[in-house]
């Protein structure tokens, strides 16, 4: 187990560039299975989940060549389908949730796909019905081995169809799109997710020869094609990391410039932090956060207490609610945090309460935060990172605390944040990694 020793109370200063988007990378990497031609992907983040998926592709006999720190060339000319039935594949693919998105491309190109129940964050029930119902509507046969915890889909022929998704699942939409691009005829997907990551996937597929329209909306139309070609694709900067840096700057009274953020793809993220009283300045395609001695939470127009809730895009991403919660704990004012999409993601607040935060956990989905207005620092403590986003939230709290904190199970943070200790130390943080 890896541990961080964090000396709090340091003001940070300087420039930091966000990594490539984790959630986009997981989709894009699976899409390389759709063609035998070479696919070049730029701005690939060097994080655990992405590296596990790249190694899975290698195990499937995909040719992988890393040409720079963040650029890879993939060629899935000959796939070892038999590997999908191996115990090694079951073990490796179950370690990350993103592996579920390999099924769609394999089903589309080879007529079959296998996957064990995927892993990932323990943030509540994350069902897979949307994925498999979509495959079935396209003509696939589905089976599930309860004893082995193994899913299988097969199809002699996939045919386009009209479908209404029961939930706007991001990974579900991505999986269905990657299946439908090689199906015969036209597919329409209503209530599709439309996150920037999905938009990027669709743009990449179109550059490979797919015929996808409605990109950016919740109604996607796909005309199936016989084959896809290679392409060059660049991954967006990670909006979750950008939001994390905004919150970190404010709570530690730091002056930070976040470089090359692709501002137009951030949606309401900057404005949501502004509601907490944070001065988020757009400078070209950079974000500048000046030093804040304090920041005050806005109320609604009628004077009632602000509520910040997650929602499917273009709503506020659930991945940043834990950051909002931590930052609000040192603001002036109160806010209700409503985590609608996952029922276990707020349970980390007990550690913040131990650090002196004034938080009332109303139920698994809602927490009321009464800000300390920077008048009382968090107390240093020892804690364990439960998942990627909560782990970074605890790291941010530790950086704002008085004294040295210890964070165990840092591997969870490493799954989504590239060399976070090294990059923050370059700004003046004091984080020691102990393996």
Protein backbone atom coordinates (compact mmCIF):
# COMPACT_ATOMS: atom_id res chain seq x y z
CA UNK A 1 0.00 0.00 0.00
CA UNK A 2 1.28 3.45 -0.94
CA UNK A 3 0.98 6.38 1.47
CA UNK A 4 1.19 10.16 1.24
CA UNK A 5 2.61 12.26 4.06
CA UNK A 6 1.19 15.74 3.52
CA UNK A 7 2.44 18.87 5.29
CA UNK A 8 -0.49 21.27 5.21
CA UNK A 9 -0.59 25.05 5.29
CA UNK A 10 1.63 25.68 2.26
CA UNK A 11 0.62 28.35 -0.24
CA UNK A 12 1.15 27.14 -3.80
CA UNK A 13 2.08 29.27 -6.77
CA UNK A 14 2.78 28.71 -10.44
CA UNK A 15 1.43 27.06 -13.58
CA UNK A 16 0.11 23.53 -14.00
CA UNK A 17 -1.09 21.74 -17.13
CA UNK A 18 -3.93 19.23 -16.80
CA UNK A 19 -3.41 15.66 -17.98
CA UNK A 20 -5.42 14.04 -20.74
CA UNK A 21 -8.96 13.15 -19.74
CA UNK A 22 -9.17 9.75 -18.04
CA UNK A 23 -12.80 9.11 -18.95
CA UNK A 24 -12.24 9.96 -22.60
CA UNK A 25 -9.06 7.88 -22.79
CA UNK A 26 -10.86 4.72 -21.63
CA UNK A 27 -13.43 5.07 -24.41
CA UNK A 28 -10.95 6.02 -27.13
CA UNK A 29 -8.61 3.14 -26.30
CA UNK A 30 -11.44 0.63 -26.68
CA UNK A 31 -12.34 2.14 -30.06
CA UNK A 32 -8.97 1.11 -31.55
CA UNK A 33 -10.40 -2.44 -31.66
CA UNK A 34 -12.83 -1.38 -34.40
CA UNK A 35 -10.24 -1.26 -37.19
CA UNK A 36 -7.23 -3.21 -38.44
CA UNK A 37 -5.57 0.07 -39.45
CA UNK A 38 -3.20 2.13 -37.29
CA UNK A 39 -4.72 4.56 -34.79
CA UNK A 40 -2.57 7.28 -33.20
CA UNK A 41 -3.76 8.73 -29.87
CA UNK A 42 -2.18 11.84 -28.36
CA UNK A 43 -2.36 13.29 -24.82
CA UNK A 44 -2.84 9.88 -23.18
CA UNK A 45 -2.64 10.23 -19.37
CA UNK A 46 -0.08 8.09 -17.53
CA UNK A 47 -2.43 6.75 -14.86
CA UNK A 48 -3.13 3.30 -13.48
CA UNK A 49 -6.55 2.66 -15.08
CA UNK A 50 -5.38 3.74 -18.52
CA UNK A 51 -2.17 1.71 -18.27
CA UNK A 52 -4.11 -1.40 -17.25
CA UNK A 53 -6.36 -1.01 -20.30
CA UNK A 54 -3.37 -0.52 -22.62
CA UNK A 55 -1.84 -3.71 -21.24
CA UNK A 56 -5.14 -5.52 -21.84
CA UNK A 57 -5.02 -4.42 -25.47
CA UNK A 58 -1.48 -5.81 -25.72
CA UNK A 59 -2.70 -9.11 -24.27
CA UNK A 60 -5.33 -9.21 -27.03
CA UNK A 61 -2.43 -9.00 -29.55
CA UNK A 62 -2.96 -5.34 -30.40
CA UNK A 63 0.35 -3.83 -31.56
CA UNK A 64 1.15 -0.96 -29.19
CA UNK A 65 4.02 1.46 -29.67
CA UNK A 66 4.62 4.44 -27.37
CA UNK A 67 6.28 7.19 -29.43
CA UNK A 68 6.45 9.87 -26.71
CA UNK A 69 5.41 10.41 -23.09
CA UNK A 70 1.76 10.82 -24.06
CA UNK A 71 1.43 9.45 -27.62
CA UNK A 72 0.72 5.86 -28.66
CA UNK A 73 0.25 4.01 -31.94
CA UNK A 74 -2.20 1.09 -31.94
CA UNK A 75 -2.81 -1.52 -34.61
CA UNK A 76 -5.49 -4.13 -33.92
CA UNK A 77 -4.94 -6.11 -37.12
CA UNK A 78 -5.15 -9.55 -35.55
CA UNK A 79 -6.99 -9.99 -32.27
CA UNK A 80 -6.48 -13.07 -30.10
CA UNK A 81 -10.16 -13.76 -29.39
CA UNK A 82 -9.29 -16.95 -27.48
CA UNK A 83 -7.60 -14.81 -24.81
CA UNK A 84 -11.05 -13.55 -23.79
CA UNK A 85 -11.82 -16.94 -22.27
CA UNK A 86 -8.63 -17.10 -20.20
CA UNK A 87 -8.43 -16.75 -16.41
CA UNK A 88 -5.78 -14.07 -16.85
CA UNK A 89 -8.17 -11.94 -18.92
CA UNK A 90 -10.94 -12.39 -16.35
CA UNK A 91 -8.65 -11.20 -13.58
CA UNK A 92 -7.15 -8.22 -15.41
CA UNK A 93 -10.34 -6.90 -17.01
CA UNK A 94 -12.26 -7.11 -13.74
CA UNK A 95 -9.84 -4.66 -12.11
CA UNK A 96 -11.13 -1.60 -14.01
CA UNK A 97 -14.64 -0.61 -14.95
CA UNK A 98 -13.55 0.88 -18.27
CA UNK A 99 -12.90 -2.60 -19.64
CA UNK A 100 -16.66 -2.99 -20.17
CA UNK A 101 -16.32 -0.76 -23.25
CA UNK A 102 -14.26 -3.40 -25.06
CA UNK A 103 -17.38 -5.50 -25.54
CA UNK A 104 -19.03 -3.20 -28.09
CA UNK A 105 -16.07 -3.01 -30.50
CA UNK A 106 -15.39 -6.75 -30.22
CA UNK A 107 -19.05 -7.57 -30.81
CA UNK A 108 -19.19 -5.22 -33.80
CA UNK A 109 -16.03 -6.54 -35.46
CA UNK A 110 -15.89 -10.19 -34.41
CA UNK A 111 -19.47 -11.04 -33.43
CA UNK A 112 -18.69 -11.84 -29.82
CA UNK A 113 -17.50 -10.25 -26.63
CA UNK A 114 -16.79 -11.46 -23.10
CA UNK A 115 -16.23 -9.55 -19.89
CA UNK A 116 -16.24 -10.39 -16.17
CA UNK A 117 -18.09 -8.13 -13.80
CA UNK A 118 -15.89 -5.00 -13.94
CA UNK A 119 -14.26 -3.32 -10.96
CA UNK A 120 -13.62 0.36 -10.31
CA UNK A 121 -14.66 2.70 -7.54
CA UNK A 122 -16.84 1.46 -4.70
CA UNK A 123 -19.29 4.34 -4.96
CA UNK A 124 -22.55 2.44 -5.06
CA UNK A 125 -24.44 0.29 -7.51
CA UNK A 126 -23.49 0.96 -11.14
CA UNK A 127 -25.61 -1.39 -13.20
CA UNK A 128 -24.79 -2.55 -16.71
CA UNK A 129 -28.32 -3.07 -18.04
CA UNK A 130 -28.07 -0.12 -20.44
CA UNK A 131 -25.07 -1.69 -22.18
CA UNK A 132 -26.55 -5.14 -22.66
CA UNK A 133 -30.08 -4.01 -23.48
CA UNK A 134 -28.56 -1.92 -26.26
CA UNK A 135 -26.59 -4.88 -27.61
CA UNK A 136 -29.73 -7.05 -27.56
CA UNK A 137 -31.73 -4.44 -29.49
CA UNK A 138 -29.00 -4.46 -32.14
CA UNK A 139 -29.45 -8.23 -32.51
CA UNK A 140 -27.02 -9.75 -30.02
CA UNK A 141 -27.64 -12.74 -27.77
CA UNK A 142 -26.78 -12.19 -24.11
CA UNK A 143 -25.88 -14.63 -21.35
CA UNK A 144 -24.53 -14.26 -17.82
CA UNK A 145 -22.74 -16.94 -15.84
CA UNK A 146 -23.61 -16.14 -12.22
CA UNK A 147 -21.10 -18.61 -10.84
CA UNK A 148 -18.20 -17.15 -12.80
CA UNK A 149 -19.57 -13.58 -12.81
CA UNK A 150 -18.97 -13.54 -16.58
CA UNK A 151 -20.98 -11.73 -19.28
CA UNK A 152 -21.11 -12.93 -22.90
CA UNK A 153 -22.69 -11.41 -26.03
CA UNK A 154 -22.70 -12.97 -29.49
CA UNK A 155 -24.26 -12.07 -32.82
CA UNK A 156 -24.28 -13.50 -36.35
CA UNK A 157 -25.45 -10.14 -37.68
CA UNK A 158 -26.08 -6.76 -36.07
CA UNK A 159 -28.89 -4.60 -37.44
CA UNK A 160 -29.60 -0.93 -36.81
CA UNK A 161 -32.66 -0.07 -34.77
CA UNK A 162 -34.35 2.71 -32.80
CA UNK A 163 -33.78 2.68 -29.07
CA UNK A 164 -34.65 4.81 -26.05
CA UNK A 165 -32.11 4.42 -23.26
CA UNK A 166 -33.62 4.13 -19.79
CA UNK A 167 -30.71 6.15 -18.42
CA UNK A 168 -28.19 8.49 -20.06
CA UNK A 169 -25.26 6.22 -19.21
CA UNK A 170 -21.95 7.58 -20.52
CA UNK A 171 -20.19 4.24 -20.85
CA UNK A 172 -23.42 2.58 -22.01
CA UNK A 173 -23.90 5.15 -24.77
CA UNK A 174 -20.26 4.80 -25.83
CA UNK A 175 -20.53 1.01 -25.97
CA UNK A 176 -23.72 1.08 -28.04
CA UNK A 177 -22.32 3.68 -30.47
CA UNK A 178 -19.17 1.63 -31.01
CA UNK A 179 -21.35 -1.41 -31.77
CA UNK A 180 -23.80 0.40 -34.04
CA UNK A 181 -21.16 1.98 -36.33
CA UNK A 182 -20.56 -1.43 -37.95
CA UNK A 183 -24.18 -2.68 -37.80
CA UNK A 184 -26.28 -2.88 -40.96
CA UNK A 185 -28.71 -0.01 -41.44
CA UNK A 186 -29.57 3.00 -39.31
CA UNK A 187 -29.53 3.23 -35.51
CA UNK A 188 -31.03 6.06 -33.48
CA UNK A 189 -30.24 6.42 -29.78
CA UNK A 190 -32.53 8.70 -27.77
CA UNK A 191 -31.66 9.82 -24.24
CA UNK A 192 -28.02 9.29 -25.18
CA UNK A 193 -25.32 10.75 -22.93
CA UNK A 194 -23.72 13.80 -24.54
CA UNK A 195 -20.66 14.54 -22.39
CA UNK A 196 -17.64 16.06 -24.17
CA UNK A 197 -16.01 12.62 -23.90
CA UNK A 198 -18.84 11.12 -25.96
CA UNK A 199 -18.57 13.97 -28.44
CA UNK A 200 -14.86 13.25 -28.79
CA UNK A 201 -15.52 9.55 -29.35
CA UNK A 202 -18.06 10.33 -32.08
CA UNK A 203 -15.71 12.79 -33.79
CA UNK A 204 -12.94 10.20 -33.72
CA UNK A 205 -15.21 7.52 -35.19
CA UNK A 206 -16.36 9.88 -37.94
CA UNK A 207 -12.74 10.60 -38.81
CA UNK A 208 -12.36 6.81 -39.18
CA UNK A 209 -15.24 6.66 -41.67
CA UNK A 210 -18.30 6.29 -39.40
CA UNK A 211 -21.48 8.22 -40.14
CA UNK A 212 -22.69 9.67 -36.84
CA UNK A 213 -24.92 12.75 -36.57
CA UNK A 214 -26.49 14.56 -33.63
CA UNK A 215 -23.14 14.81 -31.85
CA UNK A 216 -23.51 16.87 -28.66
CA UNK A 217 -27.25 16.18 -28.37
CA UNK A 218 -29.18 13.39 -26.67
CA UNK A 219 -30.43 12.05 -30.03
CA UNK A 220 -27.67 10.25 -31.92
CA UNK A 221 -28.16 8.84 -35.43
CA UNK A 222 -25.76 6.29 -36.89
CA UNK A 223 -25.61 4.94 -40.42
CA UNK A 224 -23.73 1.66 -40.27
CA UNK A 225 -20.66 1.19 -42.46
CA UNK A 226 -18.77 -1.92 -43.54
CA UNK A 227 -15.41 -0.97 -42.05
CA UNK A 228 -13.49 1.79 -40.31
CA UNK A 229 -10.05 3.17 -41.11
CA UNK A 230 -7.21 4.49 -38.97
CA UNK A 231 -6.95 8.06 -37.64
CA UNK A 232 -5.06 10.48 -35.41
CA UNK A 233 -6.94 11.65 -32.31
CA UNK A 234 -6.02 14.01 -29.46
CA UNK A 235 -7.63 13.58 -26.04
CA UNK A 236 -9.10 16.62 -24.27
CA UNK A 237 -7.60 17.94 -21.01
CA UNK A 238 -9.21 16.35 -17.97
CA UNK A 239 -12.06 18.55 -16.73
CA UNK A 240 -12.10 16.75 -13.37
CA UNK A 241 -8.46 17.54 -12.77
CA UNK A 242 -9.08 21.16 -13.81
CA UNK A 243 -11.90 21.45 -11.29
CA UNK A 244 -9.71 19.83 -8.63
CA UNK A 245 -7.00 22.45 -9.21
CA UNK A 246 -9.53 25.30 -8.99
CA UNK A 247 -10.73 24.03 -5.62
CA UNK A 248 -7.19 23.38 -4.39
CA UNK A 249 -6.10 26.92 -5.23
CA UNK A 250 -9.00 28.52 -3.37
CA UNK A 251 -8.86 26.45 -0.19
CA UNK A 252 -5.07 26.80 0.19
CA UNK A 253 -5.11 30.56 -0.59
CA UNK A 254 -2.85 29.87 -3.56
CA UNK A 255 -2.26 31.63 -6.87
CA UNK A 256 -2.38 29.11 -9.69
CA UNK A 257 -2.70 29.26 -13.46
CA UNK A 258 -4.17 26.15 -15.10
CA UNK A 259 -2.88 25.97 -18.68
CA UNK A 260 -4.65 24.90 -21.87
CA UNK A 261 -7.97 23.84 -20.33
CA UNK A 262 -10.12 23.72 -23.51
CA UNK A 263 -12.43 26.17 -21.75
CA UNK A 264 -15.38 25.71 -24.11
CA UNK A 265 -15.58 22.03 -23.12
CA UNK A 266 -15.85 22.75 -19.37
CA UNK A 267 -19.58 23.51 -19.40
CA UNK A 268 -20.88 24.89 -16.10
CA UNK A 269 -17.83 23.81 -14.07
CA UNK A 270 -16.24 27.32 -13.83
CA UNK A 271 -19.58 28.96 -12.95
CA UNK A 272 -20.29 26.36 -10.27
CA UNK A 273 -17.03 27.22 -8.50
CA UNK A 274 -17.88 30.91 -8.90
CA UNK A 275 -21.08 30.24 -6.91
CA UNK A 276 -18.79 29.37 -4.00
CA UNK A 277 -17.27 32.83 -4.29
CA UNK A 278 -14.11 31.71 -6.11
CA UNK A 279 -12.64 34.14 -8.63
CA UNK A 280 -12.21 31.99 -11.73
CA UNK A 281 -10.62 34.11 -14.44
CA UNK A 282 -10.48 33.02 -18.08
CA UNK A 283 -7.29 34.16 -19.77
CA UNK A 284 -7.19 32.90 -23.34
CA UNK A 285 -7.51 29.15 -22.94
CA UNK A 286 -6.04 29.26 -19.42
CA UNK A 287 -7.74 29.63 -16.04
CA UNK A 288 -6.15 31.92 -13.45
CA UNK A 289 -7.08 31.62 -9.77
CA UNK A 290 -5.75 34.49 -7.63
CA UNK A 291 -5.00 34.02 -3.94
CA UNK A 292 -8.20 34.05 -1.82
CA UNK A 293 -8.08 35.07 1.83
CA UNK A 294 -11.74 34.03 1.94
CA UNK A 295 -14.64 33.33 -0.42
CA UNK A 296 -18.40 33.54 0.17
CA UNK A 297 -21.08 31.14 -1.05
CA UNK A 298 -23.91 32.72 -3.02
CA UNK A 299 -27.55 32.21 -2.11
CA UNK A 300 -30.33 31.66 -4.61
CA UNK A 301 -32.10 34.80 -5.87
CA UNK A 302 -34.92 34.37 -3.32
CA UNK A 303 -32.37 34.21 -0.49
CA UNK A 304 -32.60 30.47 0.10
CA UNK A 305 -29.49 28.33 0.70
CA UNK A 306 -27.60 27.26 -2.41
CA UNK A 307 -27.92 23.64 -3.57
CA UNK A 308 -25.31 22.08 -5.85
CA UNK A 309 -26.38 18.78 -7.39
CA UNK A 310 -24.98 16.47 -10.04
CA UNK A 311 -26.80 15.73 -13.28
CA UNK A 312 -26.10 14.24 -16.73
CA UNK A 313 -24.29 16.63 -19.08
CA UNK A 314 -24.69 19.55 -19.51
CA UNK A 315 -25.43 19.39 -15.78
CA UNK A 316 -22.69 19.36 -13.16
CA UNK A 317 -20.48 16.26 -13.23
CA UNK A 318 -20.76 13.96 -10.17
CA UNK A 319 -16.98 13.49 -10.22
CA UNK A 320 -16.48 17.03 -8.86
CA UNK A 321 -19.08 17.07 -6.08
CA UNK A 322 -16.57 15.76 -3.52
CA UNK A 323 -14.18 18.60 -4.45
CA UNK A 324 -17.01 21.15 -4.13
CA UNK A 325 -17.87 19.74 -0.70
CA UNK A 326 -14.32 20.07 0.64
CA UNK A 327 -13.86 23.59 -0.74
CA UNK A 328 -17.23 24.69 0.65
CA UNK A 329 -16.15 23.55 4.13
CA UNK A 330 -13.76 26.53 4.30
CA UNK A 331 -16.06 29.03 2.59
CA UNK A 332 -18.19 31.74 4.18
CA UNK A 333 -21.76 30.46 4.12
CA UNK A 334 -23.68 27.22 3.74
CA UNK A 335 -24.55 24.92 0.86
CA UNK A 336 -26.47 21.68 0.36
CA UNK A 337 -24.59 19.09 -1.68
CA UNK A 338 -26.94 16.64 -3.40
CA UNK A 339 -25.23 13.57 -4.89
CA UNK A 340 -28.08 12.03 -6.90
CA UNK A 341 -26.28 9.50 -9.04
CA UNK A 342 -24.26 7.36 -6.57
CA UNK A 343 -25.38 6.37 -3.10
CA UNK A 344 -21.98 5.80 -1.45
CA UNK A 345 -19.93 8.71 -2.67
CA UNK A 346 -20.51 11.01 0.32
CA UNK A 347 -19.44 8.55 2.99
CA UNK A 348 -15.91 9.98 3.04
CA UNK A 349 -17.20 13.09 4.85
CA UNK A 350 -16.65 11.43 8.24
CA UNK A 351 -12.93 12.04 7.70
CA UNK A 352 -13.57 15.71 6.99
CA UNK A 353 -15.67 15.93 10.16
CA UNK A 354 -12.73 14.42 12.06
CA UNK A 355 -10.62 17.25 10.61
CA UNK A 356 -13.03 19.83 12.02
CA UNK A 357 -15.34 20.45 9.05
CA UNK A 358 -18.92 21.40 9.89
CA UNK A 359 -20.88 18.91 7.74
CA UNK A 360 -24.22 17.23 8.36
CA UNK A 361 -24.63 14.02 6.37
CA UNK A 362 -28.40 14.08 5.93
CA UNK A 363 -28.58 10.72 4.12
CA UNK A 364 -26.44 8.79 1.60
CA UNK A 365 -27.21 11.40 -1.06
CA UNK A 366 -27.20 14.77 0.72
CA UNK A 367 -24.79 16.70 2.92
CA UNK A 368 -25.19 20.18 4.38
CA UNK A 369 -21.90 22.08 4.63
CA UNK A 370 -21.49 25.05 7.02
CA UNK A 371 -18.36 26.89 5.95
CA UNK A 372 -15.62 27.81 8.43
CA UNK A 373 -14.73 30.99 6.48
CA UNK A 374 -11.01 30.12 6.71
CA UNK A 375 -11.11 31.09 10.43
CA UNK A 376 -10.41 27.58 11.69
CA UNK A 377 -8.00 25.36 9.77
CA UNK A 378 -8.66 21.68 9.28
CA UNK A 379 -6.83 19.46 11.77
CA UNK A 380 -4.26 17.04 10.41
CA UNK A 381 -5.25 13.39 10.65
CA UNK A 382 -4.71 9.89 9.25
CA UNK A 383 -7.14 8.66 6.59
CA UNK A 384 -7.65 6.11 3.81
CA UNK A 385 -8.53 6.99 0.21
CA UNK A 386 -11.81 5.16 -0.60
CA UNK A 387 -11.97 6.02 -4.33
CA UNK A 388 -10.34 8.30 -6.91
CA UNK A 389 -12.38 11.47 -6.39
CA UNK A 390 -12.77 11.22 -2.62
CA UNK A 391 -9.06 10.47 -2.39
CA UNK A 392 -8.11 13.71 -4.13
CA UNK A 393 -10.65 15.59 -2.00
CA UNK A 394 -8.93 14.28 1.13
CA UNK A 395 -5.56 15.26 -0.34
CA UNK A 396 -6.85 18.80 -0.90
CA UNK A 397 -8.16 18.91 2.67
CA UNK A 398 -4.77 17.71 3.95
CA UNK A 399 -3.00 20.46 1.98
CA UNK A 400 -5.26 23.01 3.68
CA UNK A 401 -4.86 21.49 7.16
CA UNK A 402 -2.66 22.55 10.05
CA UNK A 403 0.10 19.95 10.47
CA UNK A 404 1.04 16.66 8.81
CA UNK A 405 -1.66 14.30 7.55
CA UNK A 406 -1.29 10.74 6.37
CA UNK A 407 -3.29 9.31 3.47
CA UNK A 408 -3.20 5.56 2.90
CA UNK A 409 -4.29 3.61 -0.20
CA UNK A 410 -2.93 6.28 -2.55
CA UNK A 411 -3.19 3.74 -5.37
CA UNK A 412 -6.81 4.88 -5.67
CA UNK A 413 -5.66 8.43 -6.42
CA UNK A 414 -3.05 7.13 -8.88
CA UNK A 415 -5.85 5.48 -10.87
CA UNK A 416 -7.04 8.90 -12.03
CA UNK A 417 -4.34 11.52 -11.37
CA UNK A 418 -0.94 11.47 -13.06
CA UNK A 419 2.05 12.00 -10.74
CA UNK A 420 -0.13 14.27 -8.60
CA UNK A 421 2.43 14.52 -5.79
CA UNK A 422 5.30 15.50 -8.11
CA UNK A 423 3.22 18.07 -9.98
CA UNK A 424 1.85 19.73 -6.85
CA UNK A 425 5.26 19.72 -5.16
CA UNK A 426 6.52 21.72 -8.15
CA UNK A 427 4.03 24.43 -7.09
CA UNK A 428 5.25 24.45 -3.48
CA UNK A 429 3.28 21.62 -1.86
CA UNK A 430 4.99 19.26 0.58
CA UNK A 431 3.83 15.74 -0.26
CA UNK A 432 6.03 12.72 0.42
CA UNK A 433 5.20 9.41 -1.25
CA UNK A 434 6.00 6.29 0.77
CA UNK A 435 5.76 2.97 -1.11
